[in-house]
N, C-alpha and C. Protein backbone atom coordinates (compact mmCIF):
# COMPACT_ATOMS: atom_id res chain seq x y z
N MET A 1 96.27 100.74 105.67
CA MET A 1 96.78 100.16 104.81
C MET A 1 98.25 101.88 103.89
N ALA A 2 99.89 101.75 103.34
CA ALA A 2 100.50 102.79 103.00
C ALA A 2 99.69 103.02 100.97
N LYS A 3 99.39 103.51 100.78
CA LYS A 3 100.07 103.36 99.24
C LYS A 3 101.20 103.78 98.82
N LYS A 4 101.40 103.24 97.67
CA LYS A 4 103.03 102.80 96.79
C LYS A 4 102.84 104.17 95.95
N LYS A 5 103.74 104.97 95.45
CA LYS A 5 104.08 105.01 94.62
C LYS A 5 103.93 104.85 93.33
N PRO A 6 103.35 105.91 91.76
CA PRO A 6 103.57 104.44 90.76
C PRO A 6 105.71 104.76 90.86
N THR A 7 105.98 103.39 90.13
CA THR A 7 107.11 103.54 89.49
C THR A 7 107.44 104.90 88.45
N PRO A 8 108.75 105.01 88.27
CA PRO A 8 108.63 106.11 86.99
C PRO A 8 108.51 105.85 85.93
N LYS A 9 108.40 105.76 85.44
CA LYS A 9 108.92 105.36 83.35
C LYS A 9 110.14 105.62 82.94
N LEU A 10 110.57 104.93 82.54
CA LEU A 10 112.67 105.18 81.79
C LEU A 10 112.13 105.56 80.35
N LEU A 11 112.95 105.91 79.20
CA LEU A 11 113.05 105.63 78.54
C LEU A 11 114.43 105.13 78.53
N LYS A 12 114.71 104.73 76.68
CA LYS A 12 116.10 104.43 76.68
C LYS A 12 116.44 104.65 75.80
N ILE A 13 117.26 105.36 75.12
CA ILE A 13 117.57 106.19 73.41
C ILE A 13 118.41 105.94 73.00
N THR A 14 118.25 104.94 72.19
CA THR A 14 119.81 104.97 71.29
C THR A 14 120.40 105.69 69.98
N GLN A 15 120.80 106.17 69.71
CA GLN A 15 121.85 107.00 68.57
C GLN A 15 121.95 105.31 67.58
N VAL A 16 120.98 105.55 66.27
CA VAL A 16 120.84 104.89 65.01
C VAL A 16 120.77 105.19 63.88
N ARG A 17 121.51 106.74 64.55
CA ARG A 17 122.24 107.69 62.49
C ARG A 17 122.63 109.14 63.02
N SER A 18 123.53 109.23 62.22
CA SER A 18 124.44 110.39 62.03
C SER A 18 123.49 111.52 62.12
N LYS A 19 124.64 112.02 63.23
CA LYS A 19 124.83 114.01 62.57
C LYS A 19 124.44 114.00 61.62
N ILE A 20 125.92 113.54 61.35
CA ILE A 20 127.30 114.94 60.21
C ILE A 20 125.82 115.30 59.21
N GLY A 21 125.61 116.31 59.08
CA GLY A 21 124.79 117.02 58.03
C GLY A 21 123.33 116.94 58.08
N GLN A 22 123.41 117.19 59.08
CA GLN A 22 121.52 117.63 60.36
C GLN A 22 122.15 118.69 59.87
N LYS A 23 120.71 118.93 60.46
CA LYS A 23 120.39 120.69 60.93
C LYS A 23 121.30 121.05 61.99
N PRO A 24 121.48 122.16 62.53
CA PRO A 24 121.90 122.18 63.81
C PRO A 24 121.45 122.32 65.41
N LYS A 25 120.56 123.04 65.16
CA LYS A 25 119.26 122.36 66.25
C LYS A 25 119.24 121.09 66.59
N ALA A 26 119.63 119.77 65.54
CA ALA A 26 118.97 118.59 65.35
C ALA A 26 120.47 118.38 66.40
N ARG A 27 122.16 118.44 65.31
CA ARG A 27 123.03 118.02 66.26
C ARG A 27 123.03 118.98 68.02
N ARG A 28 122.24 119.11 68.09
CA ARG A 28 122.91 121.30 69.03
C ARG A 28 121.29 119.56 70.19
N THR A 29 119.87 118.89 69.69
CA THR A 29 119.38 118.44 70.85
C THR A 29 120.28 117.34 70.60
N ILE A 30 120.86 116.28 69.97
CA ILE A 30 121.79 115.15 70.11
C ILE A 30 122.28 115.54 71.50
N GLU A 31 123.59 116.34 71.80
CA GLU A 31 124.46 116.36 72.16
C GLU A 31 123.18 116.70 73.80
N ALA A 32 122.36 117.34 73.45
CA ALA A 32 121.73 117.55 74.78
C ALA A 32 121.04 115.98 74.95
N LEU A 33 121.03 115.57 74.63
CA LEU A 33 120.21 114.67 74.93
C LEU A 33 121.41 113.16 76.10
N GLY A 34 122.61 113.38 75.71
CA GLY A 34 124.22 113.06 75.98
C GLY A 34 124.47 112.09 75.06
N LEU A 35 123.67 111.74 73.67
CA LEU A 35 124.31 110.98 72.79
C LEU A 35 125.94 111.46 72.33
N LYS A 36 126.49 110.89 72.30
CA LYS A 36 128.66 111.13 71.54
C LYS A 36 128.28 110.79 70.95
N ARG A 37 127.69 109.43 70.02
CA ARG A 37 128.07 108.52 68.93
C ARG A 37 126.73 107.35 67.80
N LEU A 38 127.50 106.86 67.48
CA LEU A 38 126.41 106.13 67.14
C LEU A 38 126.16 104.63 68.31
N HIS A 39 124.93 104.26 67.85
CA HIS A 39 124.40 102.94 68.60
C HIS A 39 124.59 103.01 70.36
N HIS A 40 125.73 104.67 70.44
CA HIS A 40 125.15 104.27 72.38
C HIS A 40 123.69 105.22 72.77
N THR A 41 123.97 104.89 73.60
CA THR A 41 122.81 104.13 74.55
C THR A 41 123.13 105.17 76.23
N VAL A 42 121.59 106.45 76.17
CA VAL A 42 121.49 106.85 77.24
C VAL A 42 120.14 106.93 78.00
N ILE A 43 119.65 106.84 79.52
CA ILE A 43 118.80 106.36 80.30
C ILE A 43 118.05 107.75 80.78
N HIS A 44 117.31 108.21 80.27
CA HIS A 44 116.30 109.53 80.82
C HIS A 44 114.86 108.97 80.77
N LYS A 45 114.28 110.16 82.11
CA LYS A 45 113.03 109.98 82.68
C LYS A 45 112.36 110.36 82.06
N ASP A 46 110.44 110.13 81.95
CA ASP A 46 110.23 109.46 81.29
C ASP A 46 109.36 110.74 81.43
N THR A 47 110.13 112.48 80.29
CA THR A 47 108.92 113.50 81.00
C THR A 47 109.34 114.67 79.50
N PRO A 48 107.98 115.87 79.70
CA PRO A 48 107.58 116.70 78.76
C PRO A 48 108.80 116.95 77.76
N GLN A 49 109.75 117.72 78.51
CA GLN A 49 111.10 117.82 78.06
C GLN A 49 111.56 117.08 77.12
N ILE A 50 112.50 115.68 77.35
CA ILE A 50 112.75 115.05 77.22
C ILE A 50 111.04 114.21 75.48
N ARG A 51 110.31 114.02 76.21
CA ARG A 51 109.31 114.04 75.25
C ARG A 51 110.07 114.90 73.59
N GLY A 52 109.60 115.70 74.26
CA GLY A 52 109.46 117.24 73.04
C GLY A 52 110.76 117.08 72.58
N MET A 53 112.71 116.90 73.06
CA MET A 53 113.41 116.33 72.36
C MET A 53 113.60 115.27 71.46
N ILE A 54 112.72 114.31 72.46
CA ILE A 54 113.34 113.04 71.37
C ILE A 54 112.38 113.65 69.80
N ASN A 55 111.51 113.88 69.57
CA ASN A 55 110.41 114.04 69.00
C ASN A 55 110.56 115.02 67.80
N ARG A 56 111.78 116.19 68.27
CA ARG A 56 113.29 117.11 67.15
C ARG A 56 113.70 116.07 66.27
N VAL A 57 114.50 115.13 67.12
CA VAL A 57 115.34 113.80 66.16
C VAL A 57 115.06 112.61 66.51
N GLN A 58 113.45 112.17 66.10
CA GLN A 58 112.94 110.58 66.53
C GLN A 58 113.58 110.10 65.03
N HIS A 59 113.50 110.76 63.62
CA HIS A 59 114.72 110.12 62.92
C HIS A 59 115.84 110.07 63.32
N LEU A 60 116.66 109.91 64.04
CA LEU A 60 118.21 109.98 63.96
C LEU A 60 118.45 109.22 65.29
N VAL A 61 117.36 108.36 66.55
CA VAL A 61 117.35 107.42 67.13
C VAL A 61 116.11 106.62 67.67
N ARG A 62 116.24 105.73 68.32
CA ARG A 62 115.18 104.34 68.81
C ARG A 62 114.89 104.61 70.27
N VAL A 63 113.46 104.98 70.78
CA VAL A 63 113.55 105.02 71.71
C VAL A 63 112.16 103.78 72.75
N GLU A 64 112.91 103.31 74.00
CA GLU A 64 112.08 102.11 74.16
C GLU A 64 111.91 102.11 75.72
N GLU A 65 110.57 102.14 75.88
CA GLU A 65 110.07 102.29 77.23
C GLU A 65 111.10 101.00 78.55
N ILE A 66 111.07 101.97 79.62
CA ILE A 66 111.44 100.95 80.69
C ILE A 66 110.74 100.76 81.52
N GLU A 67 110.89 99.45 82.20
CA GLU A 67 110.55 100.68 83.54
C GLU A 67 111.70 100.93 84.81
N ALA A 68 111.39 101.51 85.42
CA ALA A 68 112.27 101.98 87.32
C ALA A 68 112.66 101.05 88.41
N GLN A 69 113.49 100.20 88.82
CA GLN A 69 113.69 99.03 89.33
C GLN A 69 114.18 99.62 91.09
């Protein structure tokens, strides 16, 4: 019997606060995540790099874990 690969976790990231008035590093991190405007949502794989970016701008985004299909 073959082992099943674990399904990778995904992160649903939504921008909830404006990047206006934020420090340049936070602005660039929001752009690097692919967020373009308020209430814009992107989906990324759950990796240490993405988690680090989220940690940098945690006051600007909302994060939800979702299962890959």
